[in-house]
């Protein structure tokens, strides 16, 4: 996806978790839900660490400072799991 393909409605509105998924509400009303297993740092994080997120990247990204994890709405919309080299950094 080219940055010119990013649409204002694809900005993050809210983030929440179930036992095995992460869901991201977008400003345009859509919700993206993907397996938490795609993001090992989030999977292994505590509930407190998961809840400590910040919107970043002009509204198109999510950052978890406690675990140094970043996701973008672009990647979530593409269905892109974490790169394999990210997995080796999980404690």
PDB file of N, CA and C in Angstrom:
ATOM      1  N   UNK A   1       0.845  -1.176   0.000  1.00  0.00           N
ATOM      2  CA  UNK A   1       0.000   0.000   0.000  1.00  0.00           C
ATOM      3  C   UNK A   1       0.886   1.234   0.000  1.00  0.00           C
ATOM      4  N   UNK A   2       0.673   2.122  -0.885  1.00  0.00           N
ATOM      5  CA  UNK A   2       1.388   3.378  -0.995  1.00  0.00           C
ATOM      6  C   UNK A   2       0.769   4.380  -0.026  1.00  0.00           C
ATOM      7  N   UNK A   3       1.577   5.310   0.495  1.00  0.00           N
ATOM      8  CA  UNK A   3       1.045   6.280   1.449  1.00  0.00           C
ATOM      9  C   UNK A   3      -0.068   7.116   0.850  1.00  0.00           C
ATOM     10  N   UNK A   4      -0.136   7.229  -0.477  1.00  0.00           N
ATOM     11  CA  UNK A   4      -1.232   7.966  -1.101  1.00  0.00           C
ATOM     12  C   UNK A   4      -2.538   7.172  -1.039  1.00  0.00           C
ATOM     13  N   UNK A   5      -2.443   5.869  -0.732  1.00  0.00           N
ATOM     14  CA  UNK A   5      -3.634   5.030  -0.605  1.00  0.00           C
ATOM     15  C   UNK A   5      -4.276   5.128   0.771  1.00  0.00           C
ATOM     16  N   UNK A   6      -3.569   5.733   1.734  1.00  0.00           N
ATOM     17  CA  UNK A   6      -4.099   5.844   3.085  1.00  0.00           C
ATOM     18  C   UNK A   6      -5.234   6.856   3.097  1.00  0.00           C
ATOM     19  N   UNK A   7      -6.319   6.464   3.745  1.00  0.00           N
ATOM     20  CA  UNK A   7      -7.504   7.311   3.796  1.00  0.00           C
ATOM     21  C   UNK A   7      -7.709   7.823   5.214  1.00  0.00           C
ATOM     22  N   UNK A   8      -8.211   9.044   5.366  1.00  0.00           N
ATOM     23  CA  UNK A   8      -8.394   9.610   6.706  1.00  0.00           C
ATOM     24  C   UNK A   8      -9.232   8.736   7.632  1.00  0.00           C
ATOM     25  N   UNK A   9     -10.222   8.045   7.130  1.00  0.00           N
ATOM     26  CA  UNK A   9     -11.073   7.195   7.958  1.00  0.00           C
ATOM     27  C   UNK A   9     -10.374   5.965   8.497  1.00  0.00           C
ATOM     28  N   UNK A  10      -9.169   5.675   7.999  1.00  0.00           N
ATOM     29  CA  UNK A  10      -8.423   4.507   8.441  1.00  0.00           C
ATOM     30  C   UNK A  10      -7.561   4.794   9.665  1.00  0.00           C
ATOM     31  N   UNK A  11      -7.828   5.912  10.309  1.00  0.00           N
ATOM     32  CA  UNK A  11      -7.108   6.245  11.531  1.00  0.00           C
ATOM     33  C   UNK A  11      -7.694   5.478  12.716  1.00  0.00           C
ATOM     34  N   UNK A  12      -6.854   5.247  13.721  1.00  0.00           N
ATOM     35  CA  UNK A  12      -7.231   4.478  14.907  1.00  0.00           C
ATOM     36  C   UNK A  12      -8.175   5.288  15.793  1.00  0.00           C
ATOM     37  N   UNK A  13      -9.222   4.621  16.227  1.00  0.00           N
ATOM     38  CA  UNK A  13     -10.155   5.219  17.185  1.00  0.00           C
ATOM     39  C   UNK A  13     -10.022   4.540  18.554  1.00  0.00           C
ATOM     40  N   UNK A  14      -9.941   3.201  18.550  1.00  0.00           N
ATOM     41  CA  UNK A  14      -9.866   2.461  19.802  1.00  0.00           C
ATOM     42  C   UNK A  14      -9.187   1.117  19.563  1.00  0.00           C
ATOM     43  N   UNK A  15      -8.608   0.558  20.625  1.00  0.00           N
ATOM     44  CA  UNK A  15      -7.951  -0.745  20.577  1.00  0.00           C
ATOM     45  C   UNK A  15      -8.446  -1.558  21.768  1.00  0.00           C
ATOM     46  N   UNK A  16      -8.792  -2.818  21.522  1.00  0.00           N
ATOM     47  CA  UNK A  16      -9.193  -3.678  22.631  1.00  0.00           C
ATOM     48  C   UNK A  16      -8.871  -5.126  22.297  1.00  0.00           C
ATOM     49  N   UNK A  17      -8.870  -5.945  23.343  1.00  0.00           N
ATOM     50  CA  UNK A  17      -8.431  -7.329  23.236  1.00  0.00           C
ATOM     51  C   UNK A  17      -9.488  -8.286  23.754  1.00  0.00           C
ATOM     52  N   UNK A  18      -9.535  -9.481  23.160  1.00  0.00           N
ATOM     53  CA  UNK A  18     -10.240 -10.605  23.754  1.00  0.00           C
ATOM     54  C   UNK A  18      -9.141 -11.557  24.214  1.00  0.00           C
ATOM     55  N   UNK A  19      -9.505 -12.746  24.600  1.00  0.00           N
ATOM     56  CA  UNK A  19      -8.503 -13.704  25.043  1.00  0.00           C
ATOM     57  C   UNK A  19      -7.486 -14.028  23.947  1.00  0.00           C
ATOM     58  N   UNK A  20      -7.961 -14.070  22.685  1.00  0.00           N
ATOM     59  CA  UNK A  20      -7.058 -14.484  21.606  1.00  0.00           C
ATOM     60  C   UNK A  20      -7.068 -13.580  20.375  1.00  0.00           C
ATOM     61  N   UNK A  21      -7.645 -12.375  20.488  1.00  0.00           N
ATOM     62  CA  UNK A  21      -7.637 -11.446  19.352  1.00  0.00           C
ATOM     63  C   UNK A  21      -7.323 -10.026  19.804  1.00  0.00           C
ATOM     64  N   UNK A  22      -6.899  -9.231  18.839  1.00  0.00           N
ATOM     65  CA  UNK A  22      -6.785  -7.789  19.009  1.00  0.00           C
ATOM     66  C   UNK A  22      -7.753  -7.165  18.007  1.00  0.00           C
ATOM     67  N   UNK A  23      -8.493  -6.168  18.454  1.00  0.00           N
ATOM     68  CA  UNK A  23      -9.436  -5.462  17.588  1.00  0.00           C
ATOM     69  C   UNK A  23      -9.105  -3.984  17.596  1.00  0.00           C
ATOM     70  N   UNK A  24      -9.172  -3.387  16.422  1.00  0.00           N
ATOM     71  CA  UNK A  24      -8.896  -1.964  16.268  1.00  0.00           C
ATOM     72  C   UNK A  24     -10.089  -1.327  15.568  1.00  0.00           C
ATOM     73  N   UNK A  25     -10.726  -0.391  16.255  1.00  0.00           N
ATOM     74  CA  UNK A  25     -11.803   0.384  15.651  1.00  0.00           C
ATOM     75  C   UNK A  25     -11.198   1.541  14.873  1.00  0.00           C
ATOM     76  N   UNK A  26     -11.681   1.738  13.645  1.00  0.00           N
ATOM     77  CA  UNK A  26     -11.218   2.843  12.809  1.00  0.00           C
ATOM     78  C   UNK A  26     -12.242   3.969  12.834  1.00  0.00           C
ATOM     79  N   UNK A  27     -11.782   5.165  12.509  1.00  0.00           N
ATOM     80  CA  UNK A  27     -12.676   6.327  12.494  1.00  0.00           C
ATOM     81  C   UNK A  27     -13.812   6.179  11.493  1.00  0.00           C
ATOM     82  N   UNK A  28     -13.611   5.383  10.433  1.00  0.00           N
ATOM     83  CA  UNK A  28     -14.662   5.241   9.423  1.00  0.00           C
ATOM     84  C   UNK A  28     -15.738   4.218   9.817  1.00  0.00           C
ATOM     85  N   UNK A  29     -15.631   3.648  11.031  1.00  0.00           N
ATOM     86  CA  UNK A  29     -16.653   2.728  11.516  1.00  0.00           C
ATOM     87  C   UNK A  29     -16.292   1.260  11.400  1.00  0.00           C
ATOM     88  N   UNK A  30     -15.248   0.937  10.656  1.00  0.00           N
ATOM     89  CA  UNK A  30     -14.832  -0.461  10.537  1.00  0.00           C
ATOM     90  C   UNK A  30     -14.074  -0.903  11.790  1.00  0.00           C
ATOM     91  N   UNK A  31     -14.081  -2.210  12.025  1.00  0.00           N
ATOM     92  CA  UNK A  31     -13.286  -2.817  13.080  1.00  0.00           C
ATOM     93  C   UNK A  31     -12.449  -3.915  12.448  1.00  0.00           C
ATOM     94  N   UNK A  32     -11.158  -3.884  12.716  1.00  0.00           N
ATOM     95  CA  UNK A  32     -10.234  -4.915  12.246  1.00  0.00           C
ATOM     96  C   UNK A  32      -9.958  -5.830  13.431  1.00  0.00           C
ATOM     97  N   UNK A  33     -10.175  -7.126  13.271  1.00  0.00           N
ATOM     98  CA  UNK A  33      -9.891  -8.100  14.317  1.00  0.00           C
ATOM     99  C   UNK A  33      -8.977  -9.167  13.746  1.00  0.00           C
ATOM    100  N   UNK A  34      -7.855  -9.374  14.422  1.00  0.00           N
ATOM    101  CA  UNK A  34      -6.867 -10.359  13.966  1.00  0.00           C
ATOM    102  C   UNK A  34      -6.412 -11.197  15.151  1.00  0.00           C
ATOM    103  N   UNK A  35      -5.850 -12.378  14.876  1.00  0.00           N
ATOM    104  CA  UNK A  35      -5.368 -13.234  15.962  1.00  0.00           C
ATOM    105  C   UNK A  35      -4.227 -12.576  16.734  1.00  0.00           C
ATOM    106  N   UNK A  36      -4.294 -12.639  18.027  1.00  0.00           N
ATOM    107  CA  UNK A  36      -3.230 -12.113  18.871  1.00  0.00           C
ATOM    108  C   UNK A  36      -1.927 -12.878  18.644  1.00  0.00           C
ATOM    109  N   UNK A  37      -2.032 -14.137  18.228  1.00  0.00           N
ATOM    110  CA  UNK A  37      -0.853 -14.961  17.952  1.00  0.00           C
ATOM    111  C   UNK A  37       0.016 -14.368  16.837  1.00  0.00           C
ATOM    112  N   UNK A  38      -0.543 -13.497  16.006  1.00  0.00           N
ATOM    113  CA  UNK A  38       0.243 -12.843  14.956  1.00  0.00           C
ATOM    114  C   UNK A  38       1.272 -11.881  15.523  1.00  0.00           C
ATOM    115  N   UNK A  39       1.071 -11.454  16.761  1.00  0.00           N
ATOM    116  CA  UNK A  39       1.934 -10.447  17.376  1.00  0.00           C
ATOM    117  C   UNK A  39       2.419 -10.967  18.730  1.00  0.00           C
ATOM    118  N   UNK A  40       3.501 -11.766  18.727  1.00  0.00           N
ATOM    119  CA  UNK A  40       3.971 -12.432  19.944  1.00  0.00           C
ATOM    120  C   UNK A  40       4.241 -11.497  21.122  1.00  0.00           C
ATOM    121  N   UNK A  41       4.742 -10.308  20.856  1.00  0.00           N
ATOM    122  CA  UNK A  41       4.990  -9.386  21.971  1.00  0.00           C
ATOM    123  C   UNK A  41       3.687  -9.043  22.681  1.00  0.00           C
ATOM    124  N   UNK A  42       2.639  -8.821  21.928  1.00  0.00           N
ATOM    125  CA  UNK A  42       1.339  -8.537  22.541  1.00  0.00           C
ATOM    126  C   UNK A  42       0.750  -9.789  23.186  1.00  0.00           C
ATOM    127  N   UNK A  43       0.925 -10.923  22.546  1.00  0.00           N
ATOM    128  CA  UNK A  43       0.412 -12.189  23.073  1.00  0.00           C
ATOM    129  C   UNK A  43       0.978 -12.468  24.460  1.00  0.00           C
ATOM    130  N   UNK A  44       2.269 -12.206  24.640  1.00  0.00           N
ATOM    131  CA  UNK A  44       2.948 -12.517  25.892  1.00  0.00           C
ATOM    132  C   UNK A  44       2.958 -11.352  26.877  1.00  0.00           C
ATOM    133  N   UNK A  45       2.389 -10.228  26.504  1.00  0.00           N
ATOM    134  CA  UNK A  45       2.339  -9.064  27.388  1.00  0.00           C
ATOM    135  C   UNK A  45       1.257  -9.241  28.448  1.00  0.00           C
ATOM    136  N   UNK A  46       1.424  -8.538  29.549  1.00  0.00           N
ATOM    137  CA  UNK A  46       0.392  -8.550  30.583  1.00  0.00           C
ATOM    138  C   UNK A  46      -0.793  -7.701  30.117  1.00  0.00           C
ATOM    139  N   UNK A  47      -1.914  -7.867  30.770  1.00  0.00           N
ATOM    140  CA  UNK A  47      -3.099  -7.069  30.445  1.00  0.00           C
ATOM    141  C   UNK A  47      -2.791  -5.576  30.620  1.00  0.00           C
ATOM    142  N   UNK A  48      -2.065  -5.254  31.660  1.00  0.00           N
ATOM    143  CA  UNK A  48      -1.690  -3.859  31.915  1.00  0.00           C
ATOM    144  C   UNK A  48      -0.826  -3.309  30.773  1.00  0.00           C
ATOM    145  N   UNK A  49       0.134  -4.095  30.300  1.00  0.00           N
ATOM    146  CA  UNK A  49       0.980  -3.672  29.181  1.00  0.00           C
ATOM    147  C   UNK A  49       0.165  -3.500  27.910  1.00  0.00           C
ATOM    148  N   UNK A  50      -0.781  -4.400  27.671  1.00  0.00           N
ATOM    149  CA  UNK A  50      -1.624  -4.292  26.471  1.00  0.00           C
ATOM    150  C   UNK A  50      -2.489  -3.047  26.510  1.00  0.00           C
ATOM    151  N   UNK A  51      -2.974  -2.694  27.683  1.00  0.00           N
ATOM    152  CA  UNK A  51      -3.860  -1.534  27.796  1.00  0.00           C
ATOM    153  C   UNK A  51      -3.109  -0.204  27.712  1.00  0.00           C
ATOM    154  N   UNK A  52      -1.795  -0.232  27.850  1.00  0.00           N
ATOM    155  CA  UNK A  52      -0.993   0.984  27.778  1.00  0.00           C
ATOM    156  C   UNK A  52      -0.540   1.211  26.333  1.00  0.00           C
ATOM    157  N   UNK A  53      -1.469   1.661  25.501  1.00  0.00           N
ATOM    158  CA  UNK A  53      -1.175   1.923  24.089  1.00  0.00           C
ATOM    159  C   UNK A  53      -1.398   3.396  23.782  1.00  0.00           C
ATOM    160  N   UNK A  54      -0.749   3.833  22.709  1.00  0.00           N
ATOM    161  CA  UNK A  54      -0.851   5.221  22.270  1.00  0.00           C
ATOM    162  C   UNK A  54      -1.059   5.242  20.762  1.00  0.00           C
ATOM    163  N   UNK A  55      -1.856   6.185  20.310  1.00  0.00           N
ATOM    164  CA  UNK A  55      -1.991   6.401  18.868  1.00  0.00           C
ATOM    165  C   UNK A  55      -0.761   7.172  18.415  1.00  0.00           C
ATOM    166  N   UNK A  56      -0.173   6.749  17.300  1.00  0.00           N
ATOM    167  CA  UNK A  56       1.023   7.402  16.769  1.00  0.00           C
ATOM    168  C   UNK A  56       0.928   7.444  15.247  1.00  0.00           C
ATOM    169  N   UNK A  57       1.973   7.920  14.614  1.00  0.00           N
ATOM    170  CA  UNK A  57       2.024   7.923  13.154  1.00  0.00           C
ATOM    171  C   UNK A  57       0.900   8.706  12.515  1.00  0.00           C
ATOM    172  N   UNK A  58       0.579   9.865  13.079  1.00  0.00           N
ATOM    173  CA  UNK A  58      -0.473  10.693  12.503  1.00  0.00           C
ATOM    174  C   UNK A  58      -1.861  10.081  12.627  1.00  0.00           C
ATOM    175  N   UNK A  59      -2.008   9.122  13.543  1.00  0.00           N
ATOM    176  CA  UNK A  59      -3.304   8.482  13.749  1.00  0.00           C
ATOM    177  C   UNK A  59      -3.416   7.122  13.083  1.00  0.00           C
ATOM    178  N   UNK A  60      -2.396   6.735  12.310  1.00  0.00           N
ATOM    179  CA  UNK A  60      -2.431   5.483  11.561  1.00  0.00           C
ATOM    180  C   UNK A  60      -1.636   4.360  12.218  1.00  0.00           C
ATOM    181  N   UNK A  61      -1.118   4.617  13.413  1.00  0.00           N
ATOM    182  CA  UNK A  61      -0.328   3.605  14.101  1.00  0.00           C
ATOM    183  C   UNK A  61      -0.709   3.490  15.557  1.00  0.00           C
ATOM    184  N   UNK A  62      -0.271   2.383  16.159  1.00  0.00           N
ATOM    185  CA  UNK A  62      -0.492   2.118  17.574  1.00  0.00           C
ATOM    186  C   UNK A  62       0.863   1.724  18.158  1.00  0.00           C
ATOM    187  N   UNK A  63       1.198   2.322  19.302  1.00  0.00           N
ATOM    188  CA  UNK A  63       2.475   2.032  19.962  1.00  0.00           C
ATOM    189  C   UNK A  63       2.217   1.577  21.387  1.00  0.00           C
ATOM    190  N   UNK A  64       2.905   0.495  21.789  1.00  0.00           N
ATOM    191  CA  UNK A  64       2.881   0.005  23.153  1.00  0.00           C
ATOM    192  C   UNK A  64       4.265   0.235  23.742  1.00  0.00           C
ATOM    193  N   UNK A  65       4.451   1.312  24.525  1.00  0.00           N
ATOM    194  CA  UNK A  65       5.786   1.655  25.021  1.00  0.00           C
ATOM    195  C   UNK A  65       6.386   0.620  25.969  1.00  0.00           C
ATOM    196  N   UNK A  66       5.564  -0.070  26.735  1.00  0.00           N
ATOM    197  CA  UNK A  66       6.087  -1.041  27.703  1.00  0.00           C
ATOM    198  C   UNK A  66       6.753  -2.237  27.048  1.00  0.00           C
ATOM    199  N   UNK A  67       6.333  -2.570  25.823  1.00  0.00           N
ATOM    200  CA  UNK A  67       6.879  -3.756  25.146  1.00  0.00           C
ATOM    201  C   UNK A  67       7.528  -3.404  23.811  1.00  0.00           C
ATOM    202  N   UNK A  68       7.616  -2.115  23.515  1.00  0.00           N
ATOM    203  CA  UNK A  68       8.232  -1.618  22.278  1.00  0.00           C
ATOM    204  C   UNK A  68       7.636  -2.287  21.038  1.00  0.00           C
ATOM    205  N   UNK A  69       6.316  -2.280  20.950  1.00  0.00           N
ATOM    206  CA  UNK A  69       5.601  -2.853  19.806  1.00  0.00           C
ATOM    207  C   UNK A  69       4.865  -1.747  19.066  1.00  0.00           C
ATOM    208  N   UNK A  70       4.852  -1.830  17.752  1.00  0.00           N
ATOM    209  CA  UNK A  70       4.153  -0.867  16.907  1.00  0.00           C
ATOM    210  C   UNK A  70       3.374  -1.611  15.833  1.00  0.00           C
ATOM    211  N   UNK A  71       2.129  -1.211  15.623  1.00  0.00           N
ATOM    212  CA  UNK A  71       1.315  -1.737  14.531  1.00  0.00           C
ATOM    213  C   UNK A  71       0.757  -0.566  13.747  1.00  0.00           C
ATOM    214  N   UNK A  72       0.489  -0.790  12.478  1.00  0.00           N
ATOM    215  CA  UNK A  72      -0.127   0.248  11.648  1.00  0.00           C
ATOM    216  C   UNK A  72      -1.463  -0.255  11.118  1.00  0.00           C
ATOM    217  N   UNK A  73      -2.346   0.680  10.860  1.00  0.00           N
ATOM    218  CA  UNK A  73      -3.622   0.276  10.261  1.00  0.00           C
ATOM    219  C   UNK A  73      -3.371  -0.294   8.869  1.00  0.00           C
ATOM    220  N   UNK A  74      -2.375   0.200   8.184  1.00  0.00           N
ATOM    221  CA  UNK A  74      -2.034  -0.333   6.865  1.00  0.00           C
ATOM    222  C   UNK A  74      -1.713  -1.823   6.951  1.00  0.00           C
ATOM    223  N   UNK A  75      -0.849  -2.200   7.899  1.00  0.00           N
ATOM    224  CA  UNK A  75      -0.490  -3.605   8.067  1.00  0.00           C
ATOM    225  C   UNK A  75      -1.665  -4.456   8.501  1.00  0.00           C
ATOM    226  N   UNK A  76      -2.468  -3.924   9.412  1.00  0.00           N
ATOM    227  CA  UNK A  76      -3.645  -4.662   9.875  1.00  0.00           C
ATOM    228  C   UNK A  76      -4.633  -4.893   8.738  1.00  0.00           C
ATOM    229  N   UNK A  77      -4.845  -3.878   7.910  1.00  0.00           N
ATOM    230  CA  UNK A  77      -5.767  -4.021   6.788  1.00  0.00           C
ATOM    231  C   UNK A  77      -5.244  -4.999   5.738  1.00  0.00           C
ATOM    232  N   UNK A  78      -3.930  -5.113   5.616  1.00  0.00           N
ATOM    233  CA  UNK A  78      -3.328  -6.076   4.691  1.00  0.00           C
ATOM    234  C   UNK A  78      -3.315  -7.485   5.268  1.00  0.00           C
ATOM    235  N   UNK A  79      -3.568  -7.603   6.588  1.00  0.00           N
ATOM    236  CA  UNK A  79      -3.510  -8.914   7.233  1.00  0.00           C
ATOM    237  C   UNK A  79      -2.088  -9.382   7.427  1.00  0.00           C
ATOM    238  N   UNK A  80      -1.216  -8.444   7.792  1.00  0.00           N
ATOM    239  CA  UNK A  80       0.209  -8.741   7.904  1.00  0.00           C
ATOM    240  C   UNK A  80       0.606  -9.070   9.347  1.00  0.00           C
ATOM    241  N   UNK A  81       0.977 -10.335   9.630  1.00  0.00           N
ATOM    242  CA  UNK A  81       1.487 -10.681  10.961  1.00  0.00           C
ATOM    243  C   UNK A  81       2.855 -10.036  11.190  1.00  0.00           C
ATOM    244  N   UNK A  82       3.332 -10.096  12.430  1.00  0.00           N
ATOM    245  CA  UNK A  82       4.650  -9.569  12.761  1.00  0.00           C
ATOM    246  C   UNK A  82       5.714 -10.302  11.958  1.00  0.00           C
ATOM    247  N   UNK A  83       6.768  -9.581  11.550  1.00  0.00           N
ATOM    248  CA  UNK A  83       7.881 -10.249  10.862  1.00  0.00           C
ATOM    249  C   UNK A  83       8.488 -11.323  11.758  1.00  0.00           C
ATOM    250  N   UNK A  84       9.007 -12.357  11.163  1.00  0.00           N
ATOM    251  CA  UNK A  84       9.554 -13.493  11.928  1.00  0.00           C
ATOM    252  C   UNK A  84      10.681 -13.063  12.842  1.00  0.00           C
ATOM    253  N   UNK A  85      11.491 -12.057  12.470  1.00  0.00           N
ATOM    254  CA  UNK A  85      12.605 -11.639  13.337  1.00  0.00           C
ATOM    255  C   UNK A  85      12.098 -10.983  14.613  1.00  0.00           C
ATOM    256  N   UNK A  86      10.875 -10.480  14.626  1.00  0.00           N
ATOM    257  CA  UNK A  86      10.266  -9.928  15.838  1.00  0.00           C
ATOM    258  C   UNK A  86      10.060 -11.021  16.882  1.00  0.00           C
ATOM    259  N   UNK A  87       9.781 -12.219  16.423  1.00  0.00           N
ATOM    260  CA  UNK A  87       9.449 -13.316  17.317  1.00  0.00           C
ATOM    261  C   UNK A  87      10.657 -13.686  18.185  1.00  0.00           C
ATOM    262  N   UNK A  88      11.872 -13.573  17.673  1.00  0.00           N
ATOM    263  CA  UNK A  88      13.040 -13.932  18.444  1.00  0.00           C
ATOM    264  C   UNK A  88      13.299 -12.971  19.580  1.00  0.00           C
ATOM    265  N   UNK A  89      12.698 -11.781  19.546  1.00  0.00           N
ATOM    266  CA  UNK A  89      12.912 -10.793  20.598  1.00  0.00           C
ATOM    267  C   UNK A  89      11.917 -10.910  21.734  1.00  0.00           C
ATOM    268  N   UNK A  90      11.048 -11.893  21.685  1.00  0.00           N
ATOM    269  CA  UNK A  90      10.037 -12.057  22.719  1.00  0.00           C
ATOM    270  C   UNK A  90      10.635 -12.790  23.901  1.00  0.00           C
ATOM    271  N   UNK A  91      10.390 -12.273  25.100  1.00  0.00           N
ATOM    272  CA  UNK A  91      10.937 -12.922  26.302  1.00  0.00           C
ATOM    273  C   UNK A  91      10.101 -14.117  26.699  1.00  0.00           C
TER     274      UNK A  91
END
